C-alpha cells in the first residue's frame, strides 16, 4: 500500500497536553550531552532569566512523538511503520521550552512525495503553551521505504 497523498493538509486533533518536568529535562540533557548549567540547575536557569531549567532545542521531539503516533496509527494513511526511516528534523522556536511548561501539540501533514519507489511524508507539529502562545514548531520528514527498498 502506498502513502495516501490525500494526507496533505490534514490536521489531527491536538495531542494530550505534555507537562515538561524538571527531571525529564535533566535526563534528556544528559542523554544529548547538553552540559550548560541552565539545562540542569534551576538557579543557573533563573540567573539567565528563565523560570526553571531550560530544555535543549531537540527536546521538542519528546512532545512531538504523540502527534507522530497519531499519523502512524491513521488507518487510511498507508504508512507501514516497519518501513519508516526518520529522514529529517528541524525546529522553529519562539522561545525555549522550560520545566513547568504545559505544551499542547497539533500535527499537520504538509507534504507527501514519491521518490524512486519511496514516499516522503513531511509533517509539522506546532506546540503551544497553556496560555495558547506558540513555543515551537517541530518539522519531521519520514521516509516510507517502498517494497524494493
N, C-alpha and C. Protein backbone atom coordinates (compact mmCIF):
# COMPACT_ATOMS: atom_id res chain seq x y z
N UNK A 1 0.85 -1.19 0.00
CA UNK A 1 0.00 0.00 0.00
C UNK A 1 0.89 1.24 0.00
N UNK A 2 0.58 2.18 -0.85
CA UNK A 2 1.37 3.41 -0.89
C UNK A 2 0.77 4.45 0.05
N UNK A 3 1.59 5.45 0.38
CA UNK A 3 1.14 6.51 1.28
C UNK A 3 0.05 7.32 0.59
N UNK A 4 -0.99 7.60 1.32
CA UNK A 4 -2.15 8.32 0.80
C UNK A 4 -1.79 9.79 0.57
N UNK A 5 -1.78 10.26 -0.68
CA UNK A 5 -1.46 11.67 -0.95
C UNK A 5 -2.50 12.64 -0.41
N UNK A 6 -3.70 12.13 -0.09
CA UNK A 6 -4.74 13.00 0.46
C UNK A 6 -4.48 13.39 1.92
N UNK A 7 -3.38 12.89 2.48
CA UNK A 7 -2.98 13.31 3.83
C UNK A 7 -2.57 14.78 3.86
N UNK A 8 -2.08 15.28 2.73
CA UNK A 8 -1.57 16.66 2.69
C UNK A 8 -2.67 17.62 3.11
N UNK A 9 -2.34 18.45 4.08
CA UNK A 9 -3.29 19.43 4.59
C UNK A 9 -4.11 18.93 5.77
N UNK A 10 -4.03 17.64 6.05
CA UNK A 10 -4.81 17.10 7.16
C UNK A 10 -4.18 17.53 8.49
N UNK A 11 -5.02 18.03 9.38
CA UNK A 11 -4.61 18.39 10.73
C UNK A 11 -5.28 17.44 11.70
N UNK A 12 -4.50 16.85 12.56
CA UNK A 12 -5.01 15.90 13.53
C UNK A 12 -5.44 16.64 14.80
N UNK A 13 -6.28 16.02 15.60
CA UNK A 13 -6.69 16.67 16.87
C UNK A 13 -5.46 16.89 17.76
N UNK A 14 -5.49 17.91 18.59
CA UNK A 14 -4.36 18.14 19.50
C UNK A 14 -4.10 16.91 20.37
N UNK A 15 -2.83 16.62 20.59
CA UNK A 15 -2.45 15.54 21.50
C UNK A 15 -2.73 15.99 22.94
N UNK A 16 -2.74 15.05 23.85
CA UNK A 16 -2.90 15.40 25.26
C UNK A 16 -1.78 16.35 25.68
N UNK A 17 -2.08 17.33 26.51
CA UNK A 17 -1.02 18.26 26.96
C UNK A 17 0.13 17.50 27.63
N UNK A 18 1.32 18.00 27.39
CA UNK A 18 2.54 17.40 27.97
C UNK A 18 3.12 18.39 28.97
N UNK A 19 3.19 17.97 30.23
CA UNK A 19 3.77 18.80 31.27
C UNK A 19 5.27 18.53 31.32
N UNK A 20 6.06 19.54 31.03
CA UNK A 20 7.52 19.40 30.98
C UNK A 20 8.05 19.36 32.40
N UNK A 21 8.62 18.25 32.78
CA UNK A 21 9.16 18.07 34.12
C UNK A 21 10.65 18.38 34.18
N UNK A 22 11.06 18.90 35.32
CA UNK A 22 12.48 19.23 35.52
C UNK A 22 13.37 18.00 35.33
N UNK A 23 12.97 16.88 35.90
CA UNK A 23 13.82 15.68 35.79
C UNK A 23 13.87 15.16 34.36
N UNK A 24 12.77 15.30 33.62
CA UNK A 24 12.78 14.89 32.20
C UNK A 24 13.77 15.75 31.42
N UNK A 25 13.78 17.05 31.71
CA UNK A 25 14.73 17.95 31.03
C UNK A 25 16.15 17.54 31.38
N UNK A 26 16.40 17.26 32.65
CA UNK A 26 17.75 16.85 33.07
C UNK A 26 18.16 15.54 32.40
N UNK A 27 17.25 14.56 32.38
CA UNK A 27 17.55 13.27 31.75
C UNK A 27 17.87 13.44 30.27
N UNK A 28 17.04 14.21 29.59
CA UNK A 28 17.26 14.44 28.17
C UNK A 28 18.59 15.16 27.95
N UNK A 29 18.86 16.14 28.78
CA UNK A 29 20.11 16.91 28.66
C UNK A 29 21.32 16.00 28.81
N UNK A 30 21.27 15.09 29.78
CA UNK A 30 22.38 14.15 29.94
C UNK A 30 22.50 13.25 28.71
N UNK A 31 21.37 12.81 28.18
CA UNK A 31 21.39 11.90 27.04
C UNK A 31 21.99 12.53 25.79
N UNK A 32 21.80 13.85 25.63
CA UNK A 32 22.33 14.52 24.44
C UNK A 32 23.61 15.32 24.74
N UNK A 33 24.16 15.09 25.93
CA UNK A 33 25.42 15.73 26.35
C UNK A 33 25.32 17.26 26.35
N UNK A 34 24.16 17.77 26.76
CA UNK A 34 23.98 19.22 26.92
C UNK A 34 24.47 19.57 28.32
N UNK A 35 25.63 20.18 28.41
CA UNK A 35 26.28 20.38 29.70
C UNK A 35 26.09 21.78 30.29
N UNK A 36 25.48 22.69 29.55
CA UNK A 36 25.27 24.03 30.08
C UNK A 36 24.45 23.93 31.37
N UNK A 37 24.87 24.60 32.44
CA UNK A 37 24.14 24.51 33.72
C UNK A 37 22.66 24.89 33.64
N UNK A 38 22.26 25.72 32.68
CA UNK A 38 20.84 26.08 32.60
C UNK A 38 19.95 24.88 32.30
N UNK A 39 20.54 23.80 31.78
CA UNK A 39 19.78 22.58 31.49
C UNK A 39 19.64 21.68 32.71
N UNK A 40 20.39 21.96 33.77
CA UNK A 40 20.44 21.07 34.93
C UNK A 40 20.11 21.74 36.26
N UNK A 41 20.45 23.00 36.39
CA UNK A 41 20.36 23.69 37.68
C UNK A 41 19.36 24.85 37.62
N UNK A 42 18.29 24.75 38.42
CA UNK A 42 17.29 25.83 38.41
C UNK A 42 17.90 27.20 38.72
N UNK A 43 18.87 27.24 39.61
CA UNK A 43 19.49 28.52 39.98
C UNK A 43 20.20 29.15 38.78
N UNK A 44 20.90 28.31 38.00
CA UNK A 44 21.60 28.82 36.81
C UNK A 44 20.58 29.30 35.77
N UNK A 45 19.49 28.56 35.63
CA UNK A 45 18.45 28.96 34.67
C UNK A 45 17.81 30.29 35.10
N UNK A 46 17.52 30.42 36.38
CA UNK A 46 16.92 31.68 36.87
C UNK A 46 17.89 32.84 36.70
N UNK A 47 19.16 32.61 36.96
CA UNK A 47 20.16 33.66 36.78
C UNK A 47 20.24 34.11 35.33
N UNK A 48 19.89 33.19 34.41
CA UNK A 48 19.91 33.51 32.97
C UNK A 48 18.57 34.08 32.51
N UNK A 49 17.60 34.22 33.43
CA UNK A 49 16.33 34.84 33.08
C UNK A 49 15.18 33.88 32.80
N UNK A 50 15.35 32.61 33.11
CA UNK A 50 14.29 31.61 32.87
C UNK A 50 13.64 31.22 34.19
N UNK A 51 12.41 30.73 34.13
CA UNK A 51 11.67 30.34 35.34
C UNK A 51 12.19 29.04 35.94
N UNK A 52 12.77 28.18 35.11
CA UNK A 52 13.26 26.87 35.58
C UNK A 52 14.25 26.36 34.54
N UNK A 53 14.68 25.10 34.70
CA UNK A 53 15.67 24.56 33.77
C UNK A 53 15.16 24.62 32.34
N UNK A 54 16.09 24.84 31.42
CA UNK A 54 15.76 25.03 30.01
C UNK A 54 16.05 23.73 29.25
N UNK A 55 15.10 23.29 28.47
CA UNK A 55 15.28 22.08 27.68
C UNK A 55 16.19 22.36 26.49
N UNK A 56 17.06 21.41 26.15
CA UNK A 56 17.84 21.57 24.91
C UNK A 56 16.89 21.67 23.71
N UNK A 57 17.32 22.28 22.63
CA UNK A 57 16.44 22.51 21.49
C UNK A 57 15.77 21.25 20.93
N UNK A 58 16.45 20.12 20.98
CA UNK A 58 15.87 18.91 20.40
C UNK A 58 14.87 18.23 21.31
N UNK A 59 14.67 18.74 22.53
CA UNK A 59 13.69 18.17 23.47
C UNK A 59 12.29 18.15 22.87
N UNK A 60 12.01 19.04 21.96
CA UNK A 60 10.67 19.11 21.36
C UNK A 60 10.24 17.79 20.73
N UNK A 61 11.19 16.93 20.35
CA UNK A 61 10.81 15.63 19.78
C UNK A 61 10.05 14.78 20.78
N UNK A 62 10.32 14.98 22.07
CA UNK A 62 9.62 14.22 23.11
C UNK A 62 8.13 14.55 23.05
N UNK A 63 7.81 15.81 22.89
CA UNK A 63 6.42 16.26 22.82
C UNK A 63 5.82 15.88 21.46
N UNK A 64 6.61 16.00 20.42
CA UNK A 64 6.14 15.70 19.06
C UNK A 64 5.76 14.24 18.88
N UNK A 65 6.37 13.36 19.64
CA UNK A 65 6.16 11.93 19.46
C UNK A 65 4.69 11.55 19.47
N UNK A 66 3.91 12.16 20.35
CA UNK A 66 2.48 11.82 20.43
C UNK A 66 1.75 12.18 19.15
N UNK A 67 2.15 13.26 18.50
CA UNK A 67 1.48 13.65 17.26
C UNK A 67 1.88 12.73 16.11
N UNK A 68 3.13 12.34 16.07
CA UNK A 68 3.57 11.41 15.02
C UNK A 68 2.90 10.05 15.20
N UNK A 69 2.65 9.66 16.45
CA UNK A 69 1.94 8.40 16.70
C UNK A 69 0.53 8.45 16.11
N UNK A 70 -0.11 9.60 16.17
CA UNK A 70 -1.44 9.75 15.55
C UNK A 70 -1.36 9.50 14.05
N UNK A 71 -0.37 10.10 13.41
CA UNK A 71 -0.20 9.93 11.97
C UNK A 71 0.06 8.48 11.62
N UNK A 72 0.97 7.85 12.35
CA UNK A 72 1.33 6.47 12.04
C UNK A 72 0.19 5.49 12.29
N UNK A 73 -0.71 5.84 13.19
CA UNK A 73 -1.85 4.98 13.51
C UNK A 73 -3.06 5.23 12.61
N UNK A 74 -3.01 6.26 11.79
CA UNK A 74 -4.15 6.62 10.93
C UNK A 74 -4.40 5.49 9.92
N UNK A 75 -5.57 4.86 9.96
CA UNK A 75 -5.84 3.71 9.09
C UNK A 75 -5.70 4.00 7.60
N UNK A 76 -6.11 5.18 7.15
CA UNK A 76 -6.07 5.44 5.70
C UNK A 76 -4.78 6.11 5.25
N UNK A 77 -3.79 6.21 6.13
CA UNK A 77 -2.53 6.88 5.77
C UNK A 77 -1.69 6.03 4.81
N UNK A 78 -1.79 4.73 4.94
CA UNK A 78 -0.98 3.86 4.09
C UNK A 78 0.48 3.81 4.52
N UNK A 79 0.75 4.07 5.81
CA UNK A 79 2.12 4.07 6.30
C UNK A 79 2.36 2.79 7.10
N UNK A 80 3.27 1.97 6.60
CA UNK A 80 3.68 0.75 7.29
C UNK A 80 4.88 1.13 8.17
N UNK A 81 4.66 1.17 9.49
CA UNK A 81 5.70 1.64 10.41
C UNK A 81 6.99 0.83 10.28
N UNK A 82 6.89 -0.44 9.93
CA UNK A 82 8.10 -1.26 9.81
C UNK A 82 8.99 -0.80 8.65
N UNK A 83 8.46 0.07 7.79
CA UNK A 83 9.22 0.56 6.63
C UNK A 83 9.60 2.04 6.78
N UNK A 84 9.39 2.61 7.97
CA UNK A 84 9.64 4.04 8.19
C UNK A 84 11.06 4.28 8.68
N UNK A 85 11.70 5.28 8.07
CA UNK A 85 13.00 5.77 8.50
C UNK A 85 12.85 7.28 8.69
N UNK A 86 13.40 7.78 9.80
CA UNK A 86 13.33 9.22 10.06
C UNK A 86 14.32 9.90 9.13
N UNK A 87 13.82 10.77 8.25
CA UNK A 87 14.68 11.38 7.23
C UNK A 87 15.26 12.72 7.60
N UNK A 88 14.47 13.57 8.27
CA UNK A 88 14.94 14.93 8.56
C UNK A 88 14.13 15.49 9.72
N UNK A 89 14.76 16.41 10.47
CA UNK A 89 14.10 17.03 11.61
C UNK A 89 14.57 18.47 11.72
N UNK A 90 13.65 19.39 12.00
CA UNK A 90 14.04 20.78 12.26
C UNK A 90 13.07 21.39 13.26
N UNK A 91 13.51 22.51 13.85
CA UNK A 91 12.72 23.19 14.88
C UNK A 91 12.74 24.68 14.62
N UNK A 92 11.59 25.32 14.85
CA UNK A 92 11.49 26.77 14.77
C UNK A 92 10.89 27.24 16.09
N UNK A 93 11.70 27.96 16.86
CA UNK A 93 11.31 28.36 18.22
C UNK A 93 10.90 29.82 18.29
N UNK A 94 9.85 30.09 19.09
CA UNK A 94 9.54 31.46 19.52
C UNK A 94 10.20 31.74 20.86
N UNK A 95 10.34 30.68 21.67
CA UNK A 95 11.06 30.78 22.94
C UNK A 95 11.46 29.39 23.36
N UNK A 96 12.44 29.27 24.26
CA UNK A 96 12.84 27.93 24.71
C UNK A 96 11.75 27.25 25.54
N UNK A 97 11.80 25.95 25.58
CA UNK A 97 10.95 25.15 26.45
C UNK A 97 11.62 25.13 27.83
N UNK A 98 10.82 25.35 28.88
CA UNK A 98 11.36 25.29 30.25
C UNK A 98 10.50 24.34 31.08
N UNK A 99 11.11 23.78 32.12
CA UNK A 99 10.36 22.93 33.04
C UNK A 99 9.18 23.73 33.58
N UNK A 100 8.04 23.06 33.65
CA UNK A 100 6.81 23.72 34.08
C UNK A 100 5.89 24.07 32.94
N UNK A 101 6.42 24.13 31.72
CA UNK A 101 5.57 24.38 30.56
C UNK A 101 4.59 23.22 30.39
N UNK A 102 3.36 23.56 30.04
CA UNK A 102 2.39 22.55 29.63
C UNK A 102 2.15 22.79 28.15
N UNK A 103 2.63 21.87 27.33
CA UNK A 103 2.60 22.06 25.88
C UNK A 103 1.55 21.16 25.23
N UNK A 104 0.80 21.75 24.31
CA UNK A 104 -0.16 21.01 23.52
C UNK A 104 0.31 21.06 22.08
N UNK A 105 0.45 19.87 21.48
CA UNK A 105 0.98 19.76 20.12
C UNK A 105 -0.12 19.32 19.15
N UNK A 106 -0.09 19.94 17.97
CA UNK A 106 -1.03 19.62 16.91
C UNK A 106 -0.25 19.38 15.62
N UNK A 107 -0.52 18.25 14.97
CA UNK A 107 0.22 17.87 13.77
C UNK A 107 -0.59 18.15 12.51
N UNK A 108 0.10 18.71 11.51
CA UNK A 108 -0.47 18.90 10.18
C UNK A 108 0.50 18.30 9.17
N UNK A 109 -0.03 17.49 8.26
CA UNK A 109 0.78 16.92 7.18
C UNK A 109 0.94 18.00 6.11
N UNK A 110 2.17 18.34 5.78
CA UNK A 110 2.42 19.41 4.83
C UNK A 110 2.84 18.93 3.45
N UNK A 111 3.30 17.68 3.36
CA UNK A 111 3.78 17.21 2.06
C UNK A 111 3.82 15.68 2.03
N UNK A 112 3.47 15.12 0.88
CA UNK A 112 3.67 13.70 0.59
C UNK A 112 4.25 13.64 -0.80
N UNK A 113 5.46 13.10 -0.92
CA UNK A 113 6.14 12.99 -2.22
C UNK A 113 6.59 11.56 -2.43
N UNK A 114 6.65 11.18 -3.68
CA UNK A 114 7.18 9.87 -4.04
C UNK A 114 8.50 10.06 -4.77
N UNK A 115 9.51 9.34 -4.31
CA UNK A 115 10.84 9.40 -4.91
C UNK A 115 11.39 7.99 -5.05
N UNK A 116 11.57 7.55 -6.28
CA UNK A 116 12.18 6.25 -6.52
C UNK A 116 11.53 5.09 -5.79
N UNK A 117 10.23 5.07 -5.71
CA UNK A 117 9.53 3.98 -5.04
C UNK A 117 9.35 4.19 -3.55
N UNK A 118 9.97 5.22 -3.01
CA UNK A 118 9.80 5.55 -1.60
C UNK A 118 8.89 6.77 -1.46
N UNK A 119 8.24 6.88 -0.33
CA UNK A 119 7.41 8.05 -0.06
C UNK A 119 8.07 8.87 1.03
N UNK A 120 7.95 10.18 0.91
CA UNK A 120 8.46 11.10 1.93
C UNK A 120 7.27 11.90 2.46
N UNK A 121 7.02 11.78 3.76
CA UNK A 121 5.90 12.45 4.40
C UNK A 121 6.48 13.51 5.34
N UNK A 122 6.12 14.77 5.10
CA UNK A 122 6.58 15.85 5.96
C UNK A 122 5.40 16.35 6.78
N UNK A 123 5.64 16.50 8.09
CA UNK A 123 4.58 16.93 8.99
C UNK A 123 5.14 17.94 9.98
N UNK A 124 4.31 18.92 10.31
CA UNK A 124 4.67 19.95 11.30
C UNK A 124 3.83 19.76 12.55
N UNK A 125 4.51 19.75 13.69
CA UNK A 125 3.83 19.70 14.98
C UNK A 125 4.02 21.04 15.65
N UNK A 126 2.94 21.81 15.75
CA UNK A 126 3.03 23.10 16.44
C UNK A 126 2.72 22.86 17.91
N UNK A 127 3.52 23.51 18.76
CA UNK A 127 3.38 23.33 20.20
C UNK A 127 3.13 24.69 20.85
N UNK A 128 2.01 24.75 21.56
CA UNK A 128 1.60 25.96 22.26
C UNK A 128 1.62 25.70 23.76
N UNK A 129 1.88 26.76 24.53
CA UNK A 129 1.85 26.61 25.98
C UNK A 129 0.42 26.73 26.51
N UNK A 130 0.25 26.66 27.81
CA UNK A 130 -1.09 26.65 28.42
C UNK A 130 -1.86 27.95 28.19
N UNK A 131 -1.15 29.04 27.83
CA UNK A 131 -1.83 30.31 27.54
C UNK A 131 -2.21 30.42 26.07
N UNK A 132 -1.82 29.40 25.27
CA UNK A 132 -2.12 29.43 23.84
C UNK A 132 -1.04 30.07 23.00
N UNK A 133 0.07 30.47 23.64
CA UNK A 133 1.17 31.08 22.90
C UNK A 133 2.03 30.01 22.23
N UNK A 134 2.42 30.26 20.98
CA UNK A 134 3.28 29.34 20.25
C UNK A 134 4.66 29.29 20.90
N UNK A 135 5.18 28.09 21.08
CA UNK A 135 6.53 27.91 21.64
C UNK A 135 7.47 27.42 20.55
N UNK A 136 7.09 26.35 19.85
CA UNK A 136 7.97 25.74 18.86
C UNK A 136 7.15 24.98 17.83
N UNK A 137 7.69 24.91 16.63
CA UNK A 137 7.17 24.02 15.60
C UNK A 137 8.27 23.03 15.27
N UNK A 138 7.96 21.75 15.37
CA UNK A 138 8.89 20.68 15.02
C UNK A 138 8.45 20.10 13.68
N UNK A 139 9.36 20.07 12.73
CA UNK A 139 9.05 19.57 11.40
C UNK A 139 9.84 18.28 11.17
N UNK A 140 9.14 17.22 10.82
CA UNK A 140 9.76 15.92 10.57
C UNK A 140 9.44 15.45 9.17
N UNK A 141 10.43 14.84 8.56
CA UNK A 141 10.21 14.14 7.30
C UNK A 141 10.47 12.66 7.55
N UNK A 142 9.45 11.87 7.29
CA UNK A 142 9.55 10.42 7.42
C UNK A 142 9.67 9.82 6.03
N UNK A 143 10.60 8.91 5.86
CA UNK A 143 10.75 8.19 4.60
C UNK A 143 10.10 6.82 4.80
N UNK A 144 9.14 6.53 3.94
CA UNK A 144 8.48 5.23 3.97
C UNK A 144 9.05 4.44 2.80
N UNK A 145 9.90 3.47 3.14
CA UNK A 145 10.59 2.69 2.11
C UNK A 145 9.60 1.88 1.29
N UNK A 146 9.81 1.87 -0.02
CA UNK A 146 8.97 1.08 -0.92
C UNK A 146 9.31 -0.38 -0.82
N UNK A 147 8.56 -1.19 -1.54
CA UNK A 147 8.74 -2.64 -1.49
C UNK A 147 10.14 -3.08 -1.92
N UNK A 148 10.78 -2.33 -2.82
CA UNK A 148 12.09 -2.73 -3.33
C UNK A 148 13.23 -2.16 -2.49
N UNK A 149 12.92 -1.34 -1.49
CA UNK A 149 13.99 -0.70 -0.70
C UNK A 149 14.35 -1.50 0.51
